[in-house]
Amino acid sequence: MLMAYNVFNGSGAFNDPGKVIARISVHYTDDSTFVSDDSIAVHIRDWSSGSISCGATEPFYTTQPSSPLAGVVWSDAGSTTFYDLCEFRLPARRRSTTIDRVRVEAALQDHYCSSYVPHVYPLCQRT
């Protein structure tokens, strides 16, 4: 499960839908690798509703991810906090090959504002 913090649905540098936020690499014992890129709006959204002010109001991206493999694990009654899970599928031809390791890498989304400099990191990074 990945969670994002300060993922925006704003304008300019704050227009995050479609940007890659995490790369998942599956390494097999035969030295081959499968890579899946998780992107904002397709696989993940901000974990909480709200916005920041940076010359204009920049809202967090809180629309449910569009991937048919994504699902809501939990959200509060006020729809202000979201825990989602997005499955990724290994290629059918690789399912019988032994996995050596899985690496999840965060992709930094830099949003610069002279009064506020947020960065986006998945909250969980595992190798």
C-alpha atoms as a PDB file:
ATOM      1  CA  MET A   1       0.000   0.000   0.000  1.00  0.00           C
ATOM      2  CA  LEU A   2       1.367   3.424  -0.950  1.00  0.00           C
ATOM      3  CA  MET A   3       0.062   6.683   0.440  1.00  0.00           C
ATOM      4  CA  ALA A   4       0.863  10.105  -0.973  1.00  0.00           C
ATOM      5  CA  TYR A   5       1.189  13.417   0.847  1.00  0.00           C
ATOM      6  CA  ASN A   6       0.814  16.779  -0.929  1.00  0.00           C
ATOM      7  CA  VAL A   7      -0.401  15.463  -4.278  1.00  0.00           C
ATOM      8  CA  PHE A   8      -2.132  18.332  -6.076  1.00  0.00           C
ATOM      9  CA  ASN A   9      -4.941  18.884  -8.553  1.00  0.00           C
ATOM     10  CA  GLY A  10      -3.945  22.449  -9.275  1.00  0.00           C
ATOM     11  CA  SER A  11      -2.274  24.346 -12.080  1.00  0.00           C
ATOM     12  CA  GLY A  12       1.260  24.566 -13.446  1.00  0.00           C
ATOM     13  CA  ALA A  13       3.729  22.657 -11.259  1.00  0.00           C
ATOM     14  CA  PHE A  14       0.804  21.750  -8.986  1.00  0.00           C
ATOM     15  CA  ASN A  15      -0.988  19.810 -11.763  1.00  0.00           C
ATOM     16  CA  ASP A  16      -0.002  16.296 -10.674  1.00  0.00           C
ATOM     17  CA  PRO A  17      -2.484  13.859 -12.300  1.00  0.00           C
ATOM     18  CA  GLY A  18      -0.576  11.458 -14.545  1.00  0.00           C
ATOM     19  CA  LYS A  19       2.819  12.058 -12.924  1.00  0.00           C
ATOM     20  CA  VAL A  20       4.702   8.944 -11.762  1.00  0.00           C
ATOM     21  CA  ILE A  21       4.938   8.800  -7.974  1.00  0.00           C
ATOM     22  CA  ALA A  22       6.469   5.362  -7.423  1.00  0.00           C
ATOM     23  CA  ARG A  23       8.334   2.705  -9.368  1.00  0.00           C
ATOM     24  CA  ILE A  24       7.905  -0.915  -8.347  1.00  0.00           C
ATOM     25  CA  SER A  25      10.640  -3.253  -9.602  1.00  0.00           C
ATOM     26  CA  VAL A  26      10.253  -7.018  -9.285  1.00  0.00           C
ATOM     27  CA  HIS A  27      13.583  -8.824  -9.640  1.00  0.00           C
ATOM     28  CA  TYR A  28      13.542 -12.530 -10.447  1.00  0.00           C
ATOM     29  CA  THR A  29      16.119 -15.214  -9.673  1.00  0.00           C
ATOM     30  CA  ASP A  30      16.855 -15.581 -13.419  1.00  0.00           C
ATOM     31  CA  ASP A  31      18.159 -11.959 -13.427  1.00  0.00           C
ATOM     32  CA  SER A  32      15.121 -10.573 -15.281  1.00  0.00           C
ATOM     33  CA  THR A  33      13.106  -7.606 -13.980  1.00  0.00           C
ATOM     34  CA  PHE A  34       9.524  -6.388 -14.288  1.00  0.00           C
ATOM     35  CA  VAL A  35       8.840  -2.676 -13.656  1.00  0.00           C
ATOM     36  CA  SER A  36       5.527  -0.979 -12.885  1.00  0.00           C
ATOM     37  CA  ASP A  37       5.178   2.801 -12.542  1.00  0.00           C
ATOM     38  CA  ASP A  38       2.379   4.023 -10.254  1.00  0.00           C
ATOM     39  CA  SER A  39       0.980   7.394 -11.216  1.00  0.00           C
ATOM     40  CA  ILE A  40      -1.159  10.016  -9.540  1.00  0.00           C
ATOM     41  CA  ALA A  41      -4.874   9.785 -10.396  1.00  0.00           C
ATOM     42  CA  VAL A  42      -4.494   6.310 -11.931  1.00  0.00           C
ATOM     43  CA  HIS A  43      -3.056   4.403  -8.937  1.00  0.00           C
ATOM     44  CA  ILE A  44      -2.897   6.843  -6.025  1.00  0.00           C
ATOM     45  CA  ARG A  45      -4.329  10.068  -4.589  1.00  0.00           C
ATOM     46  CA  ASP A  46      -3.558  12.317  -1.646  1.00  0.00           C
ATOM     47  CA  TRP A  47      -4.348  10.679   1.680  1.00  0.00           C
ATOM     48  CA  SER A  48      -6.210  13.748   2.935  1.00  0.00           C
ATOM     49  CA  SER A  49      -8.395  16.508   1.531  1.00  0.00           C
ATOM     50  CA  GLY A  50      -7.413  20.171   1.718  1.00  0.00           C
ATOM     51  CA  SER A  51      -5.354  22.737  -0.150  1.00  0.00           C
ATOM     52  CA  ILE A  52      -2.480  25.182   0.159  1.00  0.00           C
ATOM     53  CA  SER A  53      -2.225  28.802  -0.891  1.00  0.00           C
ATOM     54  CA  CYS A  54       0.603  29.659  -3.262  1.00  0.00           C
ATOM     55  CA  GLY A  55      -0.552  32.756  -5.115  1.00  0.00           C
ATOM     56  CA  ALA A  56      -3.647  30.697  -5.876  1.00  0.00           C
ATOM     57  CA  THR A  57      -5.400  27.969  -3.950  1.00  0.00           C
ATOM     58  CA  GLU A  58      -3.901  24.611  -4.943  1.00  0.00           C
ATOM     59  CA  PRO A  59      -6.218  21.727  -3.931  1.00  0.00           C
ATOM     60  CA  PHE A  60      -4.979  18.250  -3.060  1.00  0.00           C
ATOM     61  CA  TYR A  61      -5.840  15.501  -5.558  1.00  0.00           C
ATOM     62  CA  THR A  62      -8.516  13.419  -3.798  1.00  0.00           C
ATOM     63  CA  THR A  63     -10.525  11.834  -6.626  1.00  0.00           C
ATOM     64  CA  GLN A  64     -10.611   8.042  -6.330  1.00  0.00           C
ATOM     65  CA  PRO A  65      -7.901   6.482  -8.550  1.00  0.00           C
ATOM     66  CA  SER A  66      -9.150   5.411 -11.991  1.00  0.00           C
ATOM     67  CA  SER A  67      -7.395   2.043 -12.231  1.00  0.00           C
ATOM     68  CA  PRO A  68      -9.850  -0.862 -12.126  1.00  0.00           C
ATOM     69  CA  LEU A  69      -7.307  -2.542  -9.828  1.00  0.00           C
ATOM     70  CA  ALA A  70      -7.568   0.279  -7.245  1.00  0.00           C
ATOM     71  CA  GLY A  71      -9.967   0.133  -4.333  1.00  0.00           C
ATOM     72  CA  VAL A  72     -10.819   2.115  -1.239  1.00  0.00           C
ATOM     73  CA  VAL A  73      -9.669   0.335   1.909  1.00  0.00           C
ATOM     74  CA  TRP A  74     -11.139   3.005   4.212  1.00  0.00           C
ATOM     75  CA  SER A  75     -12.347   6.602   4.135  1.00  0.00           C
ATOM     76  CA  ASP A  76     -13.870   8.589   6.943  1.00  0.00           C
ATOM     77  CA  ALA A  77     -17.523   9.696   6.994  1.00  0.00           C
ATOM     78  CA  GLY A  78     -16.583  13.238   5.970  1.00  0.00           C
ATOM     79  CA  SER A  79     -14.504  12.076   2.983  1.00  0.00           C
ATOM     80  CA  THR A  80     -11.441  13.887   4.280  1.00  0.00           C
ATOM     81  CA  THR A  81      -9.092  10.924   4.808  1.00  0.00           C
ATOM     82  CA  PHE A  82      -8.477   8.093   2.339  1.00  0.00           C
ATOM     83  CA  TYR A  83      -6.665   4.756   2.467  1.00  0.00           C
ATOM     84  CA  ASP A  84      -6.548   3.099  -0.950  1.00  0.00           C
ATOM     85  CA  LEU A  85      -4.904  -0.025  -2.270  1.00  0.00           C
ATOM     86  CA  CYS A  86      -3.905  -0.660  -5.884  1.00  0.00           C
ATOM     87  CA  GLU A  87      -3.031  -4.131  -7.086  1.00  0.00           C
ATOM     88  CA  PHE A  88      -0.421  -4.585  -9.762  1.00  0.00           C
ATOM     89  CA  ARG A  89      -0.258  -7.738 -11.793  1.00  0.00           C
ATOM     90  CA  LEU A  90       2.842  -9.606 -12.793  1.00  0.00           C
ATOM     91  CA  PRO A  91       2.989 -10.755 -16.410  1.00  0.00           C
ATOM     92  CA  ALA A  92       1.380 -14.197 -16.810  1.00  0.00           C
ATOM     93  CA  ARG A  93       4.529 -15.636 -18.382  1.00  0.00           C
ATOM     94  CA  ARG A  94       6.566 -14.648 -15.272  1.00  0.00           C
ATOM     95  CA  ARG A  95       4.224 -16.071 -12.601  1.00  0.00           C
ATOM     96  CA  SER A  96       6.080 -19.376 -12.365  1.00  0.00           C
ATOM     97  CA  THR A  97       9.491 -17.685 -11.966  1.00  0.00           C
ATOM     98  CA  THR A  98      10.792 -17.234  -8.421  1.00  0.00           C
ATOM     99  CA  ILE A  99      10.947 -13.638  -7.184  1.00  0.00           C
ATOM    100  CA  ASP A 100      14.258 -12.632  -5.628  1.00  0.00           C
ATOM    101  CA  ARG A 101      13.254  -9.186  -4.357  1.00  0.00           C
ATOM    102  CA  VAL A 102      10.783  -6.319  -4.802  1.00  0.00           C
ATOM    103  CA  ARG A 103      11.910  -2.699  -4.680  1.00  0.00           C
ATOM    104  CA  VAL A 104       9.584   0.295  -4.263  1.00  0.00           C
ATOM    105  CA  GLU A 105      11.137   3.677  -5.061  1.00  0.00           C
ATOM    106  CA  ALA A 106       9.547   7.067  -4.462  1.00  0.00           C
ATOM    107  CA  ALA A 107       9.503   9.611  -7.283  1.00  0.00           C
ATOM    108  CA  LEU A 108       9.899  13.108  -5.900  1.00  0.00           C
ATOM    109  CA  GLN A 109       7.345  15.671  -7.075  1.00  0.00           C
ATOM    110  CA  ASP A 110       8.859  19.080  -6.457  1.00  0.00           C
ATOM    111  CA  HIS A 111       6.397  21.927  -5.930  1.00  0.00           C
ATOM    112  CA  TYR A 112       8.085  25.244  -5.314  1.00  0.00           C
ATOM    113  CA  CYS A 113       6.302  28.172  -3.701  1.00  0.00           C
ATOM    114  CA  SER A 114       8.122  31.001  -1.975  1.00  0.00           C
ATOM    115  CA  SER A 115       5.880  30.640   1.092  1.00  0.00           C
ATOM    116  CA  TYR A 116       5.466  26.861   1.078  1.00  0.00           C
ATOM    117  CA  VAL A 117       7.706  24.146  -0.332  1.00  0.00           C
ATOM    118  CA  PRO A 118       5.910  20.787  -0.150  1.00  0.00           C
ATOM    119  CA  HIS A 119       7.337  17.580  -1.530  1.00  0.00           C
ATOM    120  CA  VAL A 120       5.555  14.341  -2.345  1.00  0.00           C
ATOM    121  CA  TYR A 121       6.851  11.070  -0.970  1.00  0.00           C
ATOM    122  CA  PRO A 122       5.049   7.748  -0.610  1.00  0.00           C
ATOM    123  CA  LEU A 123       4.831   7.187   3.133  1.00  0.00           C
ATOM    124  CA  CYS A 124       6.133   3.622   2.853  1.00  0.00           C
ATOM    125  CA  GLN A 125       9.275   2.638   0.994  1.00  0.00           C
ATOM    126  CA  ARG A 126      10.357  -0.981   1.122  1.00  0.00           C
ATOM    127  CA  THR A 127      12.939  -3.097  -0.608  1.00  0.00           C
END
